[in-house]
């Protein structure tokens, strides 16, 4: 069931069109991510939904009601800022209670709501502490409790994990997903972090220059990007320029390469993920021969860069740490590369 509807939203700042006729629907109870590079319009779109920016064109509807002209403090949505914006002089309890107090809630009802929210984010034992006495992850939990305590229909999160280190960010991704599932509230997160979007979201809107490039599930976005921008932005990708012909995909100076069928003839790029490139020490029907330029050990994986004659960029292969070749790849070593045809994507743009 559609909860939030964005219909033809356009927002300009002078000659710059930050959001260009964007339309999308967000379902009730969905974890939705708005993903894209800096300056693509994702934060502006979030601020339009929150009511902090008025669109030049289009409408925002929540549960069927037009809220386009409704002020931010009158909308049943809450925005959690990247900086968390906690009051430094207030305790954890006071920060979480603030919004309810502004609505006139007092006494036992106020205490019960705040206590419930703190328990939800596992911060009950820190109710008396001030922000300066909390870690980055704990401050983020307080900001989440403050947003959730008002029981919004939609929770908007602007780069919520950007200030955290990698390990804590990964832990909080799990917590955010748990909270969203436990509360059943629709979460809309803005992020430039592709891994974060893939981990958290049920669906992702990938933006570029104010427009939606692709709207899909994480798996669809990763496995079936619609163009080169989408393929390049999400994860690592190998690109080989060439053309689709009756004989298959032909790369100049390289030859015929494994590629899916059913694509119209003409100039194109073949795209293949590094983890789907098979690396061997013998030809054995392989598609390409190359020379190892370097290899990086990443713990669970090894990333190998392979120079291939007549390709402008090295091919990248990702090997599991237990792969027979992973421990003995050496610069200058001759290797062969192959992949299954249906694991590649042909991009025509």
C-alpha atoms as a PDB file:
ATOM      1  CA  UNK A   1       0.000   0.000   0.000  1.00  0.00           C
ATOM      2  CA  UNK A   2       1.362   3.402  -1.015  1.00  0.00           C
ATOM      3  CA  UNK A   3       1.996   5.708   1.951  1.00  0.00           C
ATOM      4  CA  UNK A   4       4.050   8.577   0.530  1.00  0.00           C
ATOM      5  CA  UNK A   5       3.577   9.868  -3.004  1.00  0.00           C
ATOM      6  CA  UNK A   6       5.967  12.261  -4.724  1.00  0.00           C
ATOM      7  CA  UNK A   7       4.352  13.620  -7.892  1.00  0.00           C
ATOM      8  CA  UNK A   8       6.438  15.607 -10.377  1.00  0.00           C
ATOM      9  CA  UNK A   9       8.530  17.450  -7.780  1.00  0.00           C
ATOM     10  CA  UNK A  10      10.835  20.137  -9.187  1.00  0.00           C
ATOM     11  CA  UNK A  11      13.013  22.425  -7.072  1.00  0.00           C
ATOM     12  CA  UNK A  12      15.302  25.111  -8.468  1.00  0.00           C
ATOM     13  CA  UNK A  13      17.880  27.334  -6.818  1.00  0.00           C
ATOM     14  CA  UNK A  14      18.405  30.170  -9.276  1.00  0.00           C
ATOM     15  CA  UNK A  15      19.614  28.640 -12.568  1.00  0.00           C
ATOM     16  CA  UNK A  16      20.299  25.242 -10.938  1.00  0.00           C
ATOM     17  CA  UNK A  17      17.622  22.561 -11.029  1.00  0.00           C
ATOM     18  CA  UNK A  18      18.323  20.498  -7.922  1.00  0.00           C
ATOM     19  CA  UNK A  19      15.307  18.185  -8.330  1.00  0.00           C
ATOM     20  CA  UNK A  20      13.891  17.660 -11.801  1.00  0.00           C
ATOM     21  CA  UNK A  21      10.286  16.315 -12.078  1.00  0.00           C
ATOM     22  CA  UNK A  22      10.782  13.399  -9.706  1.00  0.00           C
ATOM     23  CA  UNK A  23       7.877  11.035  -9.085  1.00  0.00           C
ATOM     24  CA  UNK A  24       7.904   7.971  -6.840  1.00  0.00           C
ATOM     25  CA  UNK A  25       5.841   6.115  -4.275  1.00  0.00           C
ATOM     26  CA  UNK A  26       6.985   4.771  -0.905  1.00  0.00           C
ATOM     27  CA  UNK A  27       5.045   1.913   0.656  1.00  0.00           C
ATOM     28  CA  UNK A  28       3.749   1.690   4.199  1.00  0.00           C
ATOM     29  CA  UNK A  29       6.397   0.016   6.394  1.00  0.00           C
ATOM     30  CA  UNK A  30       9.076   0.196   3.706  1.00  0.00           C
ATOM     31  CA  UNK A  31      12.777   0.999   4.188  1.00  0.00           C
ATOM     32  CA  UNK A  32      13.476   3.238   1.203  1.00  0.00           C
ATOM     33  CA  UNK A  33      16.855   4.710   0.231  1.00  0.00           C
ATOM     34  CA  UNK A  34      17.572   7.761  -1.901  1.00  0.00           C
ATOM     35  CA  UNK A  35      21.095   7.220  -3.199  1.00  0.00           C
ATOM     36  CA  UNK A  36      23.452   9.273  -5.314  1.00  0.00           C
ATOM     37  CA  UNK A  37      26.632  11.355  -5.482  1.00  0.00           C
ATOM     38  CA  UNK A  38      27.039  14.766  -3.866  1.00  0.00           C
ATOM     39  CA  UNK A  39      24.940  17.394  -5.604  1.00  0.00           C
ATOM     40  CA  UNK A  40      22.486  14.948  -7.198  1.00  0.00           C
ATOM     41  CA  UNK A  41      19.465  16.448  -5.383  1.00  0.00           C
ATOM     42  CA  UNK A  42      18.822  13.739  -2.789  1.00  0.00           C
ATOM     43  CA  UNK A  43      18.966  15.979   0.312  1.00  0.00           C
ATOM     44  CA  UNK A  44      16.858  18.646  -1.405  1.00  0.00           C
ATOM     45  CA  UNK A  45      14.212  16.010  -2.164  1.00  0.00           C
ATOM     46  CA  UNK A  46      14.267  14.883   1.479  1.00  0.00           C
ATOM     47  CA  UNK A  47      13.837  18.479   2.666  1.00  0.00           C
ATOM     48  CA  UNK A  48      10.859  18.912   0.322  1.00  0.00           C
ATOM     49  CA  UNK A  49       9.260  15.802   1.838  1.00  0.00           C
ATOM     50  CA  UNK A  50       9.970  17.137   5.345  1.00  0.00           C
ATOM     51  CA  UNK A  51       8.522  20.565   4.548  1.00  0.00           C
ATOM     52  CA  UNK A  52      11.762  22.551   4.914  1.00  0.00           C
ATOM     53  CA  UNK A  53      11.784  23.392   1.195  1.00  0.00           C
ATOM     54  CA  UNK A  54       8.787  24.333  -0.938  1.00  0.00           C
ATOM     55  CA  UNK A  55       8.782  22.734  -4.406  1.00  0.00           C
ATOM     56  CA  UNK A  56       8.475  24.903  -7.505  1.00  0.00           C
ATOM     57  CA  UNK A  57       6.290  22.235  -9.095  1.00  0.00           C
ATOM     58  CA  UNK A  58       4.595  19.034  -8.025  1.00  0.00           C
ATOM     59  CA  UNK A  59       2.902  17.608  -4.958  1.00  0.00           C
ATOM     60  CA  UNK A  60       3.706  15.573  -1.845  1.00  0.00           C
ATOM     61  CA  UNK A  61       0.935  13.304  -0.585  1.00  0.00           C
ATOM     62  CA  UNK A  62       0.890  11.312   2.628  1.00  0.00           C
ATOM     63  CA  UNK A  63      -1.730   8.589   3.062  1.00  0.00           C
ATOM     64  CA  UNK A  64      -3.676  10.234   0.244  1.00  0.00           C
ATOM     65  CA  UNK A  65      -3.669  13.745   1.769  1.00  0.00           C
ATOM     66  CA  UNK A  66      -1.871  16.583  -0.036  1.00  0.00           C
ATOM     67  CA  UNK A  67       0.725  17.983   2.401  1.00  0.00           C
ATOM     68  CA  UNK A  68       2.651  20.094  -0.129  1.00  0.00           C
ATOM     69  CA  UNK A  69       1.719  23.387   1.552  1.00  0.00           C
ATOM     70  CA  UNK A  70       1.728  22.059   5.120  1.00  0.00           C
ATOM     71  CA  UNK A  71       4.440  23.502   7.369  1.00  0.00           C
ATOM     72  CA  UNK A  72       7.161  21.143   8.589  1.00  0.00           C
ATOM     73  CA  UNK A  73       5.960  21.123  12.204  1.00  0.00           C
ATOM     74  CA  UNK A  74       2.445  20.177  11.073  1.00  0.00           C
ATOM     75  CA  UNK A  75       3.483  17.115   9.067  1.00  0.00           C
ATOM     76  CA  UNK A  76       3.348  13.607  10.597  1.00  0.00           C
ATOM     77  CA  UNK A  77       6.950  13.014   9.529  1.00  0.00           C
ATOM     78  CA  UNK A  78      10.206  13.465  11.422  1.00  0.00           C
ATOM     79  CA  UNK A  79      13.631  14.339  10.042  1.00  0.00           C
ATOM     80  CA  UNK A  80      16.764  13.115  11.793  1.00  0.00           C
ATOM     81  CA  UNK A  81      19.640  15.390  10.866  1.00  0.00           C
ATOM     82  CA  UNK A  82      23.153  14.167  10.030  1.00  0.00           C
ATOM     83  CA  UNK A  83      24.593  16.206  12.938  1.00  0.00           C
ATOM     84  CA  UNK A  84      21.967  14.688  15.328  1.00  0.00           C
ATOM     85  CA  UNK A  85      21.324  18.266  16.646  1.00  0.00           C
ATOM     86  CA  UNK A  86      21.096  17.240  20.305  1.00  0.00           C
ATOM     87  CA  UNK A  87      20.811  19.944  22.976  1.00  0.00           C
ATOM     88  CA  UNK A  88      24.173  19.825  24.809  1.00  0.00           C
ATOM     89  CA  UNK A  89      22.756  21.105  28.127  1.00  0.00           C
ATOM     90  CA  UNK A  90      19.982  18.482  28.263  1.00  0.00           C
ATOM     91  CA  UNK A  91      20.164  14.885  29.398  1.00  0.00           C
ATOM     92  CA  UNK A  92      19.312  11.990  27.131  1.00  0.00           C
ATOM     93  CA  UNK A  93      15.834  11.895  28.689  1.00  0.00           C
ATOM     94  CA  UNK A  94      15.400  15.644  28.199  1.00  0.00           C
ATOM     95  CA  UNK A  95      16.449  15.519  24.553  1.00  0.00           C
ATOM     96  CA  UNK A  96      14.012  12.736  23.771  1.00  0.00           C
ATOM     97  CA  UNK A  97      11.201  14.386  25.750  1.00  0.00           C
ATOM     98  CA  UNK A  98      11.633  17.831  24.172  1.00  0.00           C
ATOM     99  CA  UNK A  99       9.354  17.368  21.160  1.00  0.00           C
ATOM    100  CA  UNK A 100       6.574  15.872  23.259  1.00  0.00           C
ATOM    101  CA  UNK A 101       6.851  18.709  25.789  1.00  0.00           C
ATOM    102  CA  UNK A 102       6.454  21.227  22.949  1.00  0.00           C
ATOM    103  CA  UNK A 103       3.187  19.452  22.127  1.00  0.00           C
ATOM    104  CA  UNK A 104       2.033  19.867  25.739  1.00  0.00           C
ATOM    105  CA  UNK A 105       2.541  16.306  26.979  1.00  0.00           C
ATOM    106  CA  UNK A 106       3.442  16.083  30.671  1.00  0.00           C
ATOM    107  CA  UNK A 107       3.634  13.750  33.666  1.00  0.00           C
ATOM    108  CA  UNK A 108       3.237   9.985  33.527  1.00  0.00           C
ATOM    109  CA  UNK A 109       2.285   9.925  29.839  1.00  0.00           C
ATOM    110  CA  UNK A 110       5.450  11.820  28.897  1.00  0.00           C
ATOM    111  CA  UNK A 111       7.641   9.556  31.042  1.00  0.00           C
ATOM    112  CA  UNK A 112       6.065   6.414  29.603  1.00  0.00           C
ATOM    113  CA  UNK A 113       6.578   7.529  25.988  1.00  0.00           C
ATOM    114  CA  UNK A 114      10.209   8.554  26.558  1.00  0.00           C
ATOM    115  CA  UNK A 115      10.990   5.384  28.520  1.00  0.00           C
ATOM    116  CA  UNK A 116       9.532   3.297  25.701  1.00  0.00           C
ATOM    117  CA  UNK A 117      11.587   5.141  23.074  1.00  0.00           C
ATOM    118  CA  UNK A 118      14.838   4.790  25.043  1.00  0.00           C
ATOM    119  CA  UNK A 119      14.226   1.081  25.513  1.00  0.00           C
ATOM    120  CA  UNK A 120      13.627   0.730  21.784  1.00  0.00           C
ATOM    121  CA  UNK A 121      17.105   2.078  20.987  1.00  0.00           C
ATOM    122  CA  UNK A 122      18.705   0.361  24.018  1.00  0.00           C
ATOM    123  CA  UNK A 123      19.606   3.587  25.806  1.00  0.00           C
ATOM    124  CA  UNK A 124      17.589   3.180  29.030  1.00  0.00           C
ATOM    125  CA  UNK A 125      20.749   3.063  31.163  1.00  0.00           C
ATOM    126  CA  UNK A 126      21.963   6.395  29.755  1.00  0.00           C
ATOM    127  CA  UNK A 127      18.877   8.522  30.433  1.00  0.00           C
ATOM    128  CA  UNK A 128      20.693  10.854  32.849  1.00  0.00           C
ATOM    129  CA  UNK A 129      23.761  11.459  30.695  1.00  0.00           C
ATOM    130  CA  UNK A 130      24.372  14.515  28.550  1.00  0.00           C
ATOM    131  CA  UNK A 131      25.552  14.297  24.913  1.00  0.00           C
ATOM    132  CA  UNK A 132      29.169  15.050  25.857  1.00  0.00           C
ATOM    133  CA  UNK A 133      29.158  11.897  27.996  1.00  0.00           C
ATOM    134  CA  UNK A 134      28.036   9.681  25.121  1.00  0.00           C
ATOM    135  CA  UNK A 135      29.877   8.036  22.250  1.00  0.00           C
ATOM    136  CA  UNK A 136      29.025   8.797  18.617  1.00  0.00           C
ATOM    137  CA  UNK A 137      26.895   5.684  18.332  1.00  0.00           C
ATOM    138  CA  UNK A 138      25.053   6.482  21.561  1.00  0.00           C
ATOM    139  CA  UNK A 139      24.321  10.049  20.416  1.00  0.00           C
ATOM    140  CA  UNK A 140      22.906   8.621  17.214  1.00  0.00           C
ATOM    141  CA  UNK A 141      20.616   6.332  19.217  1.00  0.00           C
ATOM    142  CA  UNK A 142      19.376   9.310  21.237  1.00  0.00           C
ATOM    143  CA  UNK A 143      18.611  11.200  18.017  1.00  0.00           C
ATOM    144  CA  UNK A 144      16.712   8.156  16.761  1.00  0.00           C
ATOM    145  CA  UNK A 145      14.723   7.899  20.000  1.00  0.00           C
ATOM    146  CA  UNK A 146      13.840  11.589  19.785  1.00  0.00           C
ATOM    147  CA  UNK A 147      12.581  11.087  16.224  1.00  0.00           C
ATOM    148  CA  UNK A 148      10.662   7.897  17.007  1.00  0.00           C
ATOM    149  CA  UNK A 149       9.061   9.087  20.248  1.00  0.00           C
ATOM    150  CA  UNK A 150       6.595  11.230  18.303  1.00  0.00           C
ATOM    151  CA  UNK A 151       5.435   8.143  16.406  1.00  0.00           C
ATOM    152  CA  UNK A 152       5.681   9.630  12.921  1.00  0.00           C
ATOM    153  CA  UNK A 153       4.162   7.940   9.889  1.00  0.00           C
ATOM    154  CA  UNK A 154       7.471   8.433   8.063  1.00  0.00           C
ATOM    155  CA  UNK A 155      10.972   8.839   9.513  1.00  0.00           C
ATOM    156  CA  UNK A 156      13.398  10.740   7.273  1.00  0.00           C
ATOM    157  CA  UNK A 157      17.124  10.221   7.826  1.00  0.00           C
ATOM    158  CA  UNK A 158      19.758  12.456   6.215  1.00  0.00           C
ATOM    159  CA  UNK A 159      23.107  10.604   6.014  1.00  0.00           C
ATOM    160  CA  UNK A 160      22.411   9.144   9.502  1.00  0.00           C
ATOM    161  CA  UNK A 161      25.642   7.132   9.769  1.00  0.00           C
ATOM    162  CA  UNK A 162      28.042   9.506   8.043  1.00  0.00           C
ATOM    163  CA  UNK A 163      29.753  10.666  11.260  1.00  0.00           C
ATOM    164  CA  UNK A 164      30.536   7.143  12.514  1.00  0.00           C
ATOM    165  CA  UNK A 165      33.632   5.030  11.908  1.00  0.00           C
ATOM    166  CA  UNK A 166      33.311   2.002   9.635  1.00  0.00           C
ATOM    167  CA  UNK A 167      32.887  -0.676  12.313  1.00  0.00           C
ATOM    168  CA  UNK A 168      30.306   1.323  14.264  1.00  0.00           C
ATOM    169  CA  UNK A 169      28.539   2.254  11.038  1.00  0.00           C
ATOM    170  CA  UNK A 170      28.124  -1.429  10.173  1.00  0.00           C
ATOM    171  CA  UNK A 171      26.744  -2.154  13.656  1.00  0.00           C
ATOM    172  CA  UNK A 172      24.285   0.732  13.423  1.00  0.00           C
ATOM    173  CA  UNK A 173      23.097  -0.419   9.999  1.00  0.00           C
ATOM    174  CA  UNK A 174      21.877  -3.610  11.681  1.00  0.00           C
ATOM    175  CA  UNK A 175      20.278  -1.562  14.468  1.00  0.00           C
ATOM    176  CA  UNK A 176      18.493   0.728  12.017  1.00  0.00           C
ATOM    177  CA  UNK A 177      17.106  -2.232  10.126  1.00  0.00           C
ATOM    178  CA  UNK A 178      15.949  -3.835  13.388  1.00  0.00           C
ATOM    179  CA  UNK A 179      14.280  -0.619  14.541  1.00  0.00           C
ATOM    180  CA  UNK A 180      12.479  -0.171  11.245  1.00  0.00           C
ATOM    181  CA  UNK A 181      11.167  -3.729  11.329  1.00  0.00           C
ATOM    182  CA  UNK A 182      10.172  -3.504  15.001  1.00  0.00           C
ATOM    183  CA  UNK A 183       8.297  -0.208  14.652  1.00  0.00           C
ATOM    184  CA  UNK A 184       6.778  -0.810  11.226  1.00  0.00           C
ATOM    185  CA  UNK A 185       7.374   2.868  10.413  1.00  0.00           C
ATOM    186  CA  UNK A 186       8.395   3.772   6.868  1.00  0.00           C
ATOM    187  CA  UNK A 187      12.048   4.890   6.895  1.00  0.00           C
ATOM    188  CA  UNK A 188      13.428   7.057   4.094  1.00  0.00           C
ATOM    189  CA  UNK A 189      17.209   7.392   4.218  1.00  0.00           C
ATOM    190  CA  UNK A 190      19.381   9.673   2.102  1.00  0.00           C
ATOM    191  CA  UNK A 191      22.911   8.424   1.574  1.00  0.00           C
ATOM    192  CA  UNK A 192      25.839   8.563  -0.835  1.00  0.00           C
ATOM    193  CA  UNK A 193      27.120   5.242   0.557  1.00  0.00           C
ATOM    194  CA  UNK A 194      26.186   2.457  -1.850  1.00  0.00           C
ATOM    195  CA  UNK A 195      26.906  -0.349   0.655  1.00  0.00           C
ATOM    196  CA  UNK A 196      24.696   1.345   3.218  1.00  0.00           C
ATOM    197  CA  UNK A 197      21.813   1.589   0.754  1.00  0.00           C
ATOM    198  CA  UNK A 198      22.234  -2.029  -0.367  1.00  0.00           C
ATOM    199  CA  UNK A 199      22.320  -3.225   3.256  1.00  0.00           C
ATOM    200  CA  UNK A 200      19.371  -1.227   4.578  1.00  0.00           C
ATOM    201  CA  UNK A 201      16.846  -0.668   1.840  1.00  0.00           C
ATOM    202  CA  UNK A 202      13.944  -2.654   0.471  1.00  0.00           C
ATOM    203  CA  UNK A 203      14.099  -0.396  -2.599  1.00  0.00           C
ATOM    204  CA  UNK A 204      16.531   2.252  -3.811  1.00  0.00           C
ATOM    205  CA  UNK A 205      16.056   5.361  -5.960  1.00  0.00           C
ATOM    206  CA  UNK A 206      19.396   6.159  -7.609  1.00  0.00           C
ATOM    207  CA  UNK A 207      19.630   9.858  -8.495  1.00  0.00           C
ATOM    208  CA  UNK A 208      21.922  11.784 -10.820  1.00  0.00           C
ATOM    209  CA  UNK A 209      21.668  15.482 -11.622  1.00  0.00           C
ATOM    210  CA  UNK A 210      18.218  15.781 -10.080  1.00  0.00           C
ATOM    211  CA  UNK A 211      16.634  12.827 -11.849  1.00  0.00           C
ATOM    212  CA  UNK A 212      15.931   9.198 -10.998  1.00  0.00           C
ATOM    213  CA  UNK A 213      18.293   6.991 -12.996  1.00  0.00           C
ATOM    214  CA  UNK A 214      16.916   3.710 -11.659  1.00  0.00           C
ATOM    215  CA  UNK A 215      14.337   2.693  -9.058  1.00  0.00           C
ATOM    216  CA  UNK A 216      14.764  -0.931  -8.017  1.00  0.00           C
ATOM    217  CA  UNK A 217      15.489  -3.430  -5.276  1.00  0.00           C
ATOM    218  CA  UNK A 218      19.133  -3.644  -4.146  1.00  0.00           C
ATOM    219  CA  UNK A 219      19.644  -6.919  -6.033  1.00  0.00           C
ATOM    220  CA  UNK A 220      18.099  -5.567  -9.235  1.00  0.00           C
ATOM    221  CA  UNK A 221      20.213  -2.425  -9.026  1.00  0.00           C
ATOM    222  CA  UNK A 222      23.389  -4.455  -8.485  1.00  0.00           C
ATOM    223  CA  UNK A 223      22.726  -7.246 -10.990  1.00  0.00           C
ATOM    224  CA  UNK A 224      20.814  -5.355 -13.703  1.00  0.00           C
ATOM    225  CA  UNK A 225      21.918  -1.703 -13.876  1.00  0.00           C
ATOM    226  CA  UNK A 226      20.103   0.201 -16.609  1.00  0.00           C
ATOM    227  CA  UNK A 227      23.047   2.297 -17.779  1.00  0.00           C
ATOM    228  CA  UNK A 228      26.745   2.937 -17.262  1.00  0.00           C
ATOM    229  CA  UNK A 229      26.228   5.464 -14.486  1.00  0.00           C
ATOM    230  CA  UNK A 230      24.188   2.987 -12.419  1.00  0.00           C
ATOM    231  CA  UNK A 231      26.662   0.177 -13.103  1.00  0.00           C
ATOM    232  CA  UNK A 232      29.656   2.318 -12.171  1.00  0.00           C
ATOM    233  CA  UNK A 233      28.121   3.911  -9.065  1.00  0.00           C
ATOM    234  CA  UNK A 234      27.068   0.664  -7.389  1.00  0.00           C
ATOM    235  CA  UNK A 235      30.106  -1.422  -6.426  1.00  0.00           C
ATOM    236  CA  UNK A 236      33.108  -2.279  -8.593  1.00  0.00           C
ATOM    237  CA  UNK A 237      32.469  -3.022 -12.255  1.00  0.00           C
ATOM    238  CA  UNK A 238      34.610  -3.983 -15.241  1.00  0.00           C
ATOM    239  CA  UNK A 239      33.689  -2.247 -18.511  1.00  0.00           C
ATOM    240  CA  UNK A 240      34.799  -3.433 -21.943  1.00  0.00           C
ATOM    241  CA  UNK A 241      33.813  -1.247 -24.899  1.00  0.00           C
ATOM    242  CA  UNK A 242      32.853  -2.898 -28.146  1.00  0.00           C
ATOM    243  CA  UNK A 243      29.798  -3.813 -30.156  1.00  0.00           C
ATOM    244  CA  UNK A 244      26.999  -6.357 -30.262  1.00  0.00           C
ATOM    245  CA  UNK A 245      26.908  -8.328 -33.509  1.00  0.00           C
ATOM    246  CA  UNK A 246      25.395 -11.569 -34.769  1.00  0.00           C
ATOM    247  CA  UNK A 247      28.451 -13.427 -33.523  1.00  0.00           C
ATOM    248  CA  UNK A 248      28.022 -12.014 -30.011  1.00  0.00           C
ATOM    249  CA  UNK A 249      29.890  -9.251 -28.214  1.00  0.00           C
ATOM    250  CA  UNK A 250      33.079  -8.197 -30.017  1.00  0.00           C
ATOM    251  CA  UNK A 251      35.765  -6.071 -28.360  1.00  0.00           C
ATOM    252  CA  UNK A 252      38.335  -4.510 -30.741  1.00  0.00           C
ATOM    253  CA  UNK A 253      41.716  -6.189 -30.372  1.00  0.00           C
ATOM    254  CA  UNK A 254      40.358  -8.614 -27.779  1.00  0.00           C
ATOM    255  CA  UNK A 255      37.869 -10.773 -29.664  1.00  0.00           C
ATOM    256  CA  UNK A 256      34.532 -12.369 -28.896  1.00  0.00           C
ATOM    257  CA  UNK A 257      33.541 -12.318 -25.211  1.00  0.00           C
ATOM    258  CA  UNK A 258      30.878 -14.151 -23.170  1.00  0.00           C
ATOM    259  CA  UNK A 259      27.733 -11.982 -23.125  1.00  0.00           C
ATOM    260  CA  UNK A 260      23.969 -12.442 -22.781  1.00  0.00           C
ATOM    261  CA  UNK A 261      21.797 -12.817 -25.874  1.00  0.00           C
ATOM    262  CA  UNK A 262      18.820 -10.752 -26.932  1.00  0.00           C
ATOM    263  CA  UNK A 263      20.497  -7.338 -27.221  1.00  0.00           C
ATOM    264  CA  UNK A 264      20.185  -5.296 -30.408  1.00  0.00           C
ATOM    265  CA  UNK A 265      23.269  -4.939 -32.604  1.00  0.00           C
ATOM    266  CA  UNK A 266      25.387  -1.829 -32.290  1.00  0.00           C
ATOM    267  CA  UNK A 267      27.981  -0.093 -30.094  1.00  0.00           C
ATOM    268  CA  UNK A 268      27.807  -1.108 -26.449  1.00  0.00           C
ATOM    269  CA  UNK A 269      29.789  -1.842 -23.308  1.00  0.00           C
ATOM    270  CA  UNK A 270      30.035  -5.207 -21.606  1.00  0.00           C
ATOM    271  CA  UNK A 271      29.932  -4.921 -17.798  1.00  0.00           C
ATOM    272  CA  UNK A 272      30.954  -7.710 -15.422  1.00  0.00           C
ATOM    273  CA  UNK A 273      31.343  -7.658 -11.630  1.00  0.00           C
ATOM    274  CA  UNK A 274      34.813  -8.585 -10.262  1.00  0.00           C
ATOM    275  CA  UNK A 275      33.448 -11.432  -8.110  1.00  0.00           C
ATOM    276  CA  UNK A 276      32.006 -13.027 -11.263  1.00  0.00           C
ATOM    277  CA  UNK A 277      35.321 -13.053 -13.103  1.00  0.00           C
ATOM    278  CA  UNK A 278      36.944 -16.493 -12.917  1.00  0.00           C
ATOM    279  CA  UNK A 279      40.752 -16.428 -12.686  1.00  0.00           C
ATOM    280  CA  UNK A 280      42.826 -19.478 -13.677  1.00  0.00           C
ATOM    281  CA  UNK A 281      46.452 -20.421 -14.360  1.00  0.00           C
ATOM    282  CA  UNK A 282      45.649 -22.174 -17.625  1.00  0.00           C
ATOM    283  CA  UNK A 283      43.677 -21.299 -20.747  1.00  0.00           C
ATOM    284  CA  UNK A 284      41.029 -24.027 -20.418  1.00  0.00           C
ATOM    285  CA  UNK A 285      38.536 -22.230 -22.704  1.00  0.00           C
ATOM    286  CA  UNK A 286      39.053 -18.831 -21.050  1.00  0.00           C
ATOM    287  CA  UNK A 287      37.989 -15.621 -22.770  1.00  0.00           C
ATOM    288  CA  UNK A 288      40.971 -13.361 -22.034  1.00  0.00           C
ATOM    289  CA  UNK A 289      44.654 -13.743 -21.187  1.00  0.00           C
ATOM    290  CA  UNK A 290      46.399 -11.126 -19.079  1.00  0.00           C
ATOM    291  CA  UNK A 291      49.214 -10.291 -16.729  1.00  0.00           C
ATOM    292  CA  UNK A 292      48.792  -9.572 -13.016  1.00  0.00           C
ATOM    293  CA  UNK A 293      49.537  -5.934 -12.262  1.00  0.00           C
ATOM    294  CA  UNK A 294      48.959  -6.274  -8.514  1.00  0.00           C
ATOM    295  CA  UNK A 295      46.855  -7.929  -5.831  1.00  0.00           C
ATOM    296  CA  UNK A 296      45.446  -6.617  -2.549  1.00  0.00           C
ATOM    297  CA  UNK A 297      44.552  -8.815   0.417  1.00  0.00           C
ATOM    298  CA  UNK A 298      41.338  -7.588   2.077  1.00  0.00           C
ATOM    299  CA  UNK A 299      40.790 -10.310   4.673  1.00  0.00           C
ATOM    300  CA  UNK A 300      37.915 -12.319   3.243  1.00  0.00           C
ATOM    301  CA  UNK A 301      38.828 -11.434  -0.352  1.00  0.00           C
ATOM    302  CA  UNK A 302      41.737 -10.757  -2.647  1.00  0.00           C
ATOM    303  CA  UNK A 303      41.381  -8.108  -5.352  1.00  0.00           C
ATOM    304  CA  UNK A 304      43.523  -8.774  -8.434  1.00  0.00           C
ATOM    305  CA  UNK A 305      44.220  -6.208 -11.194  1.00  0.00           C
ATOM    306  CA  UNK A 306      45.036  -7.854 -14.520  1.00  0.00           C
ATOM    307  CA  UNK A 307      46.475  -6.013 -17.525  1.00  0.00           C
ATOM    308  CA  UNK A 308      44.887  -7.249 -20.752  1.00  0.00           C
ATOM    309  CA  UNK A 309      46.341  -6.300 -24.154  1.00  0.00           C
ATOM    310  CA  UNK A 310      44.226  -3.726 -26.029  1.00  0.00           C
ATOM    311  CA  UNK A 311      42.086  -2.861 -22.999  1.00  0.00           C
ATOM    312  CA  UNK A 312      42.625   0.681 -21.644  1.00  0.00           C
ATOM    313  CA  UNK A 313      41.984  -0.348 -18.037  1.00  0.00           C
ATOM    314  CA  UNK A 314      43.017  -3.405 -15.999  1.00  0.00           C
ATOM    315  CA  UNK A 315      40.377  -6.074 -15.441  1.00  0.00           C
ATOM    316  CA  UNK A 316      39.520  -6.512 -11.759  1.00  0.00           C
ATOM    317  CA  UNK A 317      38.799  -9.935 -10.262  1.00  0.00           C
ATOM    318  CA  UNK A 318      37.681 -10.629  -6.714  1.00  0.00           C
ATOM    319  CA  UNK A 319      38.790 -13.976  -5.299  1.00  0.00           C
ATOM    320  CA  UNK A 320      37.733 -15.547  -2.025  1.00  0.00           C
ATOM    321  CA  UNK A 321      40.645 -15.797   0.437  1.00  0.00           C
ATOM    322  CA  UNK A 322      40.433 -19.593   0.156  1.00  0.00           C
ATOM    323  CA  UNK A 323      40.820 -19.597  -3.652  1.00  0.00           C
ATOM    324  CA  UNK A 324      43.861 -21.670  -4.790  1.00  0.00           C
ATOM    325  CA  UNK A 325      45.340 -18.640  -6.561  1.00  0.00           C
ATOM    326  CA  UNK A 326      44.691 -16.050  -3.856  1.00  0.00           C
ATOM    327  CA  UNK A 327      47.900 -16.673  -1.883  1.00  0.00           C
ATOM    328  CA  UNK A 328      50.291 -16.888  -4.823  1.00  0.00           C
ATOM    329  CA  UNK A 329      49.317 -14.124  -7.214  1.00  0.00           C
ATOM    330  CA  UNK A 330      52.459 -12.220  -8.183  1.00  0.00           C
ATOM    331  CA  UNK A 331      53.111  -9.163 -10.319  1.00  0.00           C
ATOM    332  CA  UNK A 332      53.834 -10.183 -13.896  1.00  0.00           C
ATOM    333  CA  UNK A 333      52.142 -13.582 -13.563  1.00  0.00           C
ATOM    334  CA  UNK A 334      50.226 -14.807 -16.635  1.00  0.00           C
ATOM    335  CA  UNK A 335      46.575 -15.639 -15.895  1.00  0.00           C
ATOM    336  CA  UNK A 336      43.365 -16.303 -17.805  1.00  0.00           C
ATOM    337  CA  UNK A 337      39.958 -14.762 -17.197  1.00  0.00           C
ATOM    338  CA  UNK A 338      36.478 -16.022 -17.954  1.00  0.00           C
ATOM    339  CA  UNK A 339      32.877 -15.577 -16.823  1.00  0.00           C
ATOM    340  CA  UNK A 340      29.446 -16.958 -17.517  1.00  0.00           C
ATOM    341  CA  UNK A 341      27.623 -15.139 -20.298  1.00  0.00           C
ATOM    342  CA  UNK A 342      24.454 -14.574 -18.244  1.00  0.00           C
ATOM    343  CA  UNK A 343      26.449 -12.916 -15.457  1.00  0.00           C
ATOM    344  CA  UNK A 344      27.516 -10.040 -17.709  1.00  0.00           C
ATOM    345  CA  UNK A 345      25.358  -7.046 -18.646  1.00  0.00           C
ATOM    346  CA  UNK A 346      25.269  -5.266 -22.007  1.00  0.00           C
ATOM    347  CA  UNK A 347      24.885  -1.484 -21.678  1.00  0.00           C
ATOM    348  CA  UNK A 348      23.833   0.475 -24.748  1.00  0.00           C
ATOM    349  CA  UNK A 349      24.070   4.040 -23.417  1.00  0.00           C
END
